[in-house]
Protein backbone atom coordinates (compact mmCIF):
# COMPACT_ATOMS: atom_id res chain seq x y z
CA UNK A 1 0.00 0.00 0.00
CA UNK A 2 1.15 3.52 -0.72
CA UNK A 3 2.57 5.36 2.29
CA UNK A 4 1.61 8.77 3.66
CA UNK A 5 5.12 10.15 3.04
CA UNK A 6 5.00 9.05 -0.61
CA UNK A 7 1.91 11.16 -1.35
CA UNK A 8 2.04 14.88 -2.05
CA UNK A 9 -0.71 17.48 -2.34
CA UNK A 10 -1.49 17.79 -6.04
CA UNK A 11 -0.73 14.14 -6.86
CA UNK A 12 -3.27 12.59 -9.22
CA UNK A 13 -4.47 9.00 -9.03
CA UNK A 14 -4.41 6.96 -12.24
CA UNK A 15 -7.78 7.53 -13.92
CA UNK A 16 -10.40 4.82 -14.26
CA UNK A 17 -12.02 4.71 -17.70
CA UNK A 18 -15.20 2.67 -18.15
CA UNK A 19 -16.70 1.12 -21.23
CA UNK A 20 -19.93 2.63 -22.53
CA UNK A 21 -22.85 2.10 -20.17
CA UNK A 22 -25.26 -0.28 -21.89
CA UNK A 23 -28.74 -1.53 -21.11
CA UNK A 24 -27.07 -4.71 -19.88
CA UNK A 25 -24.90 -2.66 -17.51
CA UNK A 26 -28.03 -1.04 -16.08
CA UNK A 27 -29.88 -4.34 -15.71
CA UNK A 28 -26.92 -5.98 -13.98
CA UNK A 29 -26.44 -3.00 -11.66
CA UNK A 30 -30.16 -3.01 -10.81
CA UNK A 31 -29.87 -6.66 -9.81
CA UNK A 32 -26.68 -6.20 -7.84
CA UNK A 33 -27.80 -3.05 -6.03
CA UNK A 34 -31.46 -3.91 -5.58
CA UNK A 35 -32.38 -0.58 -7.21
CA UNK A 36 -35.01 -1.62 -9.73
CA UNK A 37 -36.34 1.90 -10.36
CA UNK A 38 -37.96 1.60 -13.80
CA UNK A 39 -36.43 4.94 -14.88
CA UNK A 40 -33.18 3.01 -15.25
CA UNK A 41 -34.39 -0.15 -16.99
CA UNK A 42 -37.79 0.39 -18.63
CA UNK A 43 -37.70 2.61 -21.73
CA UNK A 44 -41.51 2.88 -21.89
CA UNK A 45 -41.66 4.07 -18.28
CA UNK A 46 -38.83 6.56 -18.87
CA UNK A 47 -40.56 7.97 -21.97
CA UNK A 48 -43.86 8.35 -20.11
CA UNK A 49 -41.92 10.36 -17.53
CA UNK A 50 -40.67 12.71 -20.26
CA UNK A 51 -37.20 11.25 -20.78
CA UNK A 52 -35.84 10.21 -24.18
CA UNK A 53 -34.55 6.91 -22.80
CA UNK A 54 -33.48 5.20 -19.59
CA UNK A 55 -30.46 6.61 -17.80
CA UNK A 56 -27.84 5.29 -15.41
CA UNK A 57 -28.30 4.96 -11.67
CA UNK A 58 -26.40 7.71 -9.87
CA UNK A 59 -24.91 5.09 -7.60
CA UNK A 60 -23.39 3.31 -10.61
CA UNK A 61 -21.02 6.24 -11.07
CA UNK A 62 -20.32 6.21 -7.33
CA UNK A 63 -19.46 2.52 -7.66
CA UNK A 64 -17.02 3.45 -10.43
CA UNK A 65 -15.45 6.02 -8.09
CA UNK A 66 -15.15 3.24 -5.50
CA UNK A 67 -13.28 1.14 -8.07
CA UNK A 68 -10.93 4.07 -8.68
CA UNK A 69 -10.17 4.29 -4.97
CA UNK A 70 -9.77 0.54 -4.39
CA UNK A 71 -7.38 0.45 -7.31
CA UNK A 72 -5.15 2.75 -5.24
CA UNK A 73 -5.68 1.56 -1.64
CA UNK A 74 -7.40 -1.38 0.09
CA UNK A 75 -11.10 -0.88 0.79
CA UNK A 76 -10.37 -0.75 4.53
CA UNK A 77 -8.34 2.46 4.02
CA UNK A 78 -11.36 4.33 2.64
CA UNK A 79 -12.85 6.09 5.64
CA UNK A 80 -15.34 8.46 4.04
CA UNK A 81 -16.79 9.24 0.64
CA UNK A 82 -18.91 12.36 0.21
CA UNK A 83 -20.43 13.00 -3.22
CA UNK A 84 -22.87 15.29 -4.98
CA UNK A 85 -24.85 14.19 -8.02
CA UNK A 86 -24.53 16.97 -10.59
CA UNK A 87 -26.08 15.60 -13.80
CA UNK A 88 -27.86 12.59 -15.24
CA UNK A 89 -25.60 9.97 -16.80
CA UNK A 90 -27.05 8.98 -20.15
CA UNK A 91 -27.11 5.54 -21.68
CA UNK A 92 -23.89 4.81 -23.63
CA UNK A 93 -21.88 7.32 -21.57
CA UNK A 94 -18.22 6.45 -21.06
CA UNK A 95 -17.24 7.51 -17.57
CA UNK A 96 -13.81 8.70 -16.53
CA UNK A 97 -13.15 8.79 -12.79
CA UNK A 98 -10.33 10.89 -11.39
CA UNK A 99 -8.93 12.03 -8.07
CA UNK A 100 -6.35 14.50 -6.85
CA UNK A 101 -4.79 14.84 -3.40
CA UNK A 102 -6.20 18.04 -1.89
CA UNK A 103 -4.82 17.77 1.64
CA UNK A 104 -2.67 15.67 3.98
CA UNK A 105 -3.45 15.69 7.68
CA UNK A 106 -3.22 13.84 10.96
CA UNK A 107 -6.07 13.21 13.38
CA UNK A 108 -5.97 11.27 16.63
CA UNK A 109 -2.56 9.82 15.77
CA UNK A 110 -3.63 8.57 12.33
CA UNK A 111 -2.56 9.92 8.93
CA UNK A 112 -5.03 10.77 6.18
CA UNK A 113 -5.28 12.29 2.74
CA UNK A 114 -8.30 14.11 1.43
CA UNK A 115 -8.96 13.48 -2.25
CA UNK A 116 -11.14 15.50 -4.58
CA UNK A 117 -12.96 12.99 -6.79
CA UNK A 118 -15.17 13.23 -9.84
CA UNK A 119 -16.81 11.21 -12.57
CA UNK A 120 -17.15 12.77 -16.03
CA UNK A 121 -18.59 11.51 -19.29
CA UNK A 122 -16.79 11.46 -22.63
CA UNK A 123 -17.92 15.05 -23.25
CA UNK A 124 -16.27 16.26 -20.04
CA UNK A 125 -19.59 16.81 -18.27
CA UNK A 126 -19.22 16.19 -14.53
CA UNK A 127 -21.78 13.67 -13.29
CA UNK A 128 -20.52 13.22 -9.72
CA UNK A 129 -18.15 15.37 -7.67
CA UNK A 130 -16.99 15.09 -4.11
CA UNK A 131 -14.25 13.96 -1.79
CA UNK A 132 -12.82 10.88 -0.16
CA UNK A 133 -10.90 10.54 3.08
CA UNK A 134 -8.22 7.86 2.96
CA UNK A 135 -6.16 6.51 5.88
CA UNK A 136 -2.50 5.89 5.07
CA UNK A 137 0.43 4.62 7.12
C-alpha atoms as a PDB file:
ATOM      1  CA  UNK A   1       0.000   0.000   0.000  1.00  0.00           C
ATOM      2  CA  UNK A   2       1.154   3.520  -0.721  1.00  0.00           C
ATOM      3  CA  UNK A   3       2.565   5.362   2.288  1.00  0.00           C
ATOM      4  CA  UNK A   4       1.610   8.772   3.665  1.00  0.00           C
ATOM      5  CA  UNK A   5       5.120  10.149   3.035  1.00  0.00           C
ATOM      6  CA  UNK A   6       4.996   9.050  -0.615  1.00  0.00           C
ATOM      7  CA  UNK A   7       1.909  11.160  -1.347  1.00  0.00           C
ATOM      8  CA  UNK A   8       2.037  14.883  -2.047  1.00  0.00           C
ATOM      9  CA  UNK A   9      -0.707  17.478  -2.343  1.00  0.00           C
ATOM     10  CA  UNK A  10      -1.488  17.786  -6.044  1.00  0.00           C
ATOM     11  CA  UNK A  11      -0.733  14.141  -6.859  1.00  0.00           C
ATOM     12  CA  UNK A  12      -3.272  12.592  -9.216  1.00  0.00           C
ATOM     13  CA  UNK A  13      -4.469   9.002  -9.025  1.00  0.00           C
ATOM     14  CA  UNK A  14      -4.413   6.957 -12.238  1.00  0.00           C
ATOM     15  CA  UNK A  15      -7.783   7.533 -13.915  1.00  0.00           C
ATOM     16  CA  UNK A  16     -10.400   4.823 -14.260  1.00  0.00           C
ATOM     17  CA  UNK A  17     -12.018   4.709 -17.699  1.00  0.00           C
ATOM     18  CA  UNK A  18     -15.197   2.668 -18.152  1.00  0.00           C
ATOM     19  CA  UNK A  19     -16.702   1.121 -21.231  1.00  0.00           C
ATOM     20  CA  UNK A  20     -19.933   2.633 -22.530  1.00  0.00           C
ATOM     21  CA  UNK A  21     -22.853   2.096 -20.168  1.00  0.00           C
ATOM     22  CA  UNK A  22     -25.255  -0.284 -21.892  1.00  0.00           C
ATOM     23  CA  UNK A  23     -28.740  -1.527 -21.106  1.00  0.00           C
ATOM     24  CA  UNK A  24     -27.067  -4.711 -19.879  1.00  0.00           C
ATOM     25  CA  UNK A  25     -24.900  -2.660 -17.505  1.00  0.00           C
ATOM     26  CA  UNK A  26     -28.035  -1.038 -16.077  1.00  0.00           C
ATOM     27  CA  UNK A  27     -29.878  -4.343 -15.705  1.00  0.00           C
ATOM     28  CA  UNK A  28     -26.915  -5.983 -13.978  1.00  0.00           C
ATOM     29  CA  UNK A  29     -26.438  -3.004 -11.657  1.00  0.00           C
ATOM     30  CA  UNK A  30     -30.156  -3.010 -10.813  1.00  0.00           C
ATOM     31  CA  UNK A  31     -29.873  -6.658  -9.810  1.00  0.00           C
ATOM     32  CA  UNK A  32     -26.676  -6.201  -7.841  1.00  0.00           C
ATOM     33  CA  UNK A  33     -27.797  -3.045  -6.029  1.00  0.00           C
ATOM     34  CA  UNK A  34     -31.456  -3.910  -5.576  1.00  0.00           C
ATOM     35  CA  UNK A  35     -32.379  -0.578  -7.208  1.00  0.00           C
ATOM     36  CA  UNK A  36     -35.011  -1.618  -9.726  1.00  0.00           C
ATOM     37  CA  UNK A  37     -36.343   1.900 -10.357  1.00  0.00           C
ATOM     38  CA  UNK A  38     -37.959   1.604 -13.800  1.00  0.00           C
ATOM     39  CA  UNK A  39     -36.428   4.941 -14.879  1.00  0.00           C
ATOM     40  CA  UNK A  40     -33.179   3.012 -15.247  1.00  0.00           C
ATOM     41  CA  UNK A  41     -34.387  -0.148 -16.988  1.00  0.00           C
ATOM     42  CA  UNK A  42     -37.795   0.390 -18.627  1.00  0.00           C
ATOM     43  CA  UNK A  43     -37.703   2.610 -21.727  1.00  0.00           C
ATOM     44  CA  UNK A  44     -41.508   2.876 -21.885  1.00  0.00           C
ATOM     45  CA  UNK A  45     -41.659   4.068 -18.284  1.00  0.00           C
ATOM     46  CA  UNK A  46     -38.832   6.561 -18.871  1.00  0.00           C
ATOM     47  CA  UNK A  47     -40.560   7.969 -21.969  1.00  0.00           C
ATOM     48  CA  UNK A  48     -43.856   8.351 -20.107  1.00  0.00           C
ATOM     49  CA  UNK A  49     -41.923  10.365 -17.526  1.00  0.00           C
ATOM     50  CA  UNK A  50     -40.666  12.713 -20.257  1.00  0.00           C
ATOM     51  CA  UNK A  51     -37.205  11.248 -20.777  1.00  0.00           C
ATOM     52  CA  UNK A  52     -35.844  10.212 -24.180  1.00  0.00           C
ATOM     53  CA  UNK A  53     -34.549   6.913 -22.803  1.00  0.00           C
ATOM     54  CA  UNK A  54     -33.485   5.199 -19.591  1.00  0.00           C
ATOM     55  CA  UNK A  55     -30.457   6.611 -17.795  1.00  0.00           C
ATOM     56  CA  UNK A  56     -27.842   5.290 -15.411  1.00  0.00           C
ATOM     57  CA  UNK A  57     -28.304   4.958 -11.673  1.00  0.00           C
ATOM     58  CA  UNK A  58     -26.405   7.710  -9.874  1.00  0.00           C
ATOM     59  CA  UNK A  59     -24.905   5.091  -7.605  1.00  0.00           C
ATOM     60  CA  UNK A  60     -23.393   3.315 -10.608  1.00  0.00           C
ATOM     61  CA  UNK A  61     -21.017   6.241 -11.070  1.00  0.00           C
ATOM     62  CA  UNK A  62     -20.324   6.212  -7.329  1.00  0.00           C
ATOM     63  CA  UNK A  63     -19.455   2.524  -7.660  1.00  0.00           C
ATOM     64  CA  UNK A  64     -17.021   3.447 -10.432  1.00  0.00           C
ATOM     65  CA  UNK A  65     -15.450   6.016  -8.089  1.00  0.00           C
ATOM     66  CA  UNK A  66     -15.151   3.236  -5.502  1.00  0.00           C
ATOM     67  CA  UNK A  67     -13.284   1.136  -8.066  1.00  0.00           C
ATOM     68  CA  UNK A  68     -10.935   4.069  -8.678  1.00  0.00           C
ATOM     69  CA  UNK A  69     -10.171   4.293  -4.968  1.00  0.00           C
ATOM     70  CA  UNK A  70      -9.769   0.540  -4.391  1.00  0.00           C
ATOM     71  CA  UNK A  71      -7.376   0.454  -7.315  1.00  0.00           C
ATOM     72  CA  UNK A  72      -5.154   2.748  -5.240  1.00  0.00           C
ATOM     73  CA  UNK A  73      -5.681   1.562  -1.640  1.00  0.00           C
ATOM     74  CA  UNK A  74      -7.400  -1.378   0.092  1.00  0.00           C
ATOM     75  CA  UNK A  75     -11.095  -0.885   0.786  1.00  0.00           C
ATOM     76  CA  UNK A  76     -10.367  -0.747   4.533  1.00  0.00           C
ATOM     77  CA  UNK A  77      -8.340   2.462   4.024  1.00  0.00           C
ATOM     78  CA  UNK A  78     -11.362   4.326   2.643  1.00  0.00           C
ATOM     79  CA  UNK A  79     -12.855   6.085   5.642  1.00  0.00           C
ATOM     80  CA  UNK A  80     -15.341   8.456   4.045  1.00  0.00           C
ATOM     81  CA  UNK A  81     -16.792   9.237   0.639  1.00  0.00           C
ATOM     82  CA  UNK A  82     -18.907  12.361   0.210  1.00  0.00           C
ATOM     83  CA  UNK A  83     -20.433  13.003  -3.219  1.00  0.00           C
ATOM     84  CA  UNK A  84     -22.868  15.285  -4.977  1.00  0.00           C
ATOM     85  CA  UNK A  85     -24.849  14.190  -8.018  1.00  0.00           C
ATOM     86  CA  UNK A  86     -24.530  16.971 -10.588  1.00  0.00           C
ATOM     87  CA  UNK A  87     -26.080  15.597 -13.797  1.00  0.00           C
ATOM     88  CA  UNK A  88     -27.863  12.585 -15.244  1.00  0.00           C
ATOM     89  CA  UNK A  89     -25.600   9.967 -16.804  1.00  0.00           C
ATOM     90  CA  UNK A  90     -27.046   8.979 -20.148  1.00  0.00           C
ATOM     91  CA  UNK A  91     -27.112   5.543 -21.685  1.00  0.00           C
ATOM     92  CA  UNK A  92     -23.894   4.814 -23.632  1.00  0.00           C
ATOM     93  CA  UNK A  93     -21.877   7.322 -21.574  1.00  0.00           C
ATOM     94  CA  UNK A  94     -18.222   6.453 -21.064  1.00  0.00           C
ATOM     95  CA  UNK A  95     -17.242   7.506 -17.566  1.00  0.00           C
ATOM     96  CA  UNK A  96     -13.805   8.701 -16.526  1.00  0.00           C
ATOM     97  CA  UNK A  97     -13.154   8.787 -12.787  1.00  0.00           C
ATOM     98  CA  UNK A  98     -10.335  10.887 -11.390  1.00  0.00           C
ATOM     99  CA  UNK A  99      -8.932  12.027  -8.066  1.00  0.00           C
ATOM    100  CA  UNK A 100      -6.350  14.501  -6.852  1.00  0.00           C
ATOM    101  CA  UNK A 101      -4.786  14.844  -3.398  1.00  0.00           C
ATOM    102  CA  UNK A 102      -6.196  18.039  -1.886  1.00  0.00           C
ATOM    103  CA  UNK A 103      -4.821  17.772   1.637  1.00  0.00           C
ATOM    104  CA  UNK A 104      -2.671  15.674   3.976  1.00  0.00           C
ATOM    105  CA  UNK A 105      -3.451  15.692   7.682  1.00  0.00           C
ATOM    106  CA  UNK A 106      -3.221  13.839  10.964  1.00  0.00           C
ATOM    107  CA  UNK A 107      -6.069  13.210  13.385  1.00  0.00           C
ATOM    108  CA  UNK A 108      -5.971  11.274  16.631  1.00  0.00           C
ATOM    109  CA  UNK A 109      -2.563   9.821  15.775  1.00  0.00           C
ATOM    110  CA  UNK A 110      -3.634   8.574  12.326  1.00  0.00           C
ATOM    111  CA  UNK A 111      -2.562   9.916   8.932  1.00  0.00           C
ATOM    112  CA  UNK A 112      -5.027  10.766   6.182  1.00  0.00           C
ATOM    113  CA  UNK A 113      -5.280  12.293   2.744  1.00  0.00           C
ATOM    114  CA  UNK A 114      -8.305  14.108   1.425  1.00  0.00           C
ATOM    115  CA  UNK A 115      -8.961  13.475  -2.253  1.00  0.00           C
ATOM    116  CA  UNK A 116     -11.144  15.496  -4.584  1.00  0.00           C
ATOM    117  CA  UNK A 117     -12.958  12.987  -6.785  1.00  0.00           C
ATOM    118  CA  UNK A 118     -15.173  13.231  -9.836  1.00  0.00           C
ATOM    119  CA  UNK A 119     -16.809  11.213 -12.572  1.00  0.00           C
ATOM    120  CA  UNK A 120     -17.151  12.769 -16.033  1.00  0.00           C
ATOM    121  CA  UNK A 121     -18.592  11.512 -19.287  1.00  0.00           C
ATOM    122  CA  UNK A 122     -16.790  11.460 -22.627  1.00  0.00           C
ATOM    123  CA  UNK A 123     -17.915  15.054 -23.251  1.00  0.00           C
ATOM    124  CA  UNK A 124     -16.269  16.256 -20.040  1.00  0.00           C
ATOM    125  CA  UNK A 125     -19.592  16.811 -18.265  1.00  0.00           C
ATOM    126  CA  UNK A 126     -19.223  16.192 -14.530  1.00  0.00           C
ATOM    127  CA  UNK A 127     -21.779  13.667 -13.290  1.00  0.00           C
ATOM    128  CA  UNK A 128     -20.516  13.219  -9.715  1.00  0.00           C
ATOM    129  CA  UNK A 129     -18.151  15.370  -7.670  1.00  0.00           C
ATOM    130  CA  UNK A 130     -16.992  15.089  -4.108  1.00  0.00           C
ATOM    131  CA  UNK A 131     -14.248  13.963  -1.795  1.00  0.00           C
ATOM    132  CA  UNK A 132     -12.819  10.879  -0.159  1.00  0.00           C
ATOM    133  CA  UNK A 133     -10.901  10.538   3.081  1.00  0.00           C
ATOM    134  CA  UNK A 134      -8.222   7.855   2.963  1.00  0.00           C
ATOM    135  CA  UNK A 135      -6.162   6.508   5.880  1.00  0.00           C
ATOM    136  CA  UNK A 136      -2.504   5.893   5.072  1.00  0.00           C
ATOM    137  CA  UNK A 137       0.428   4.619   7.125  1.00  0.00           C
END
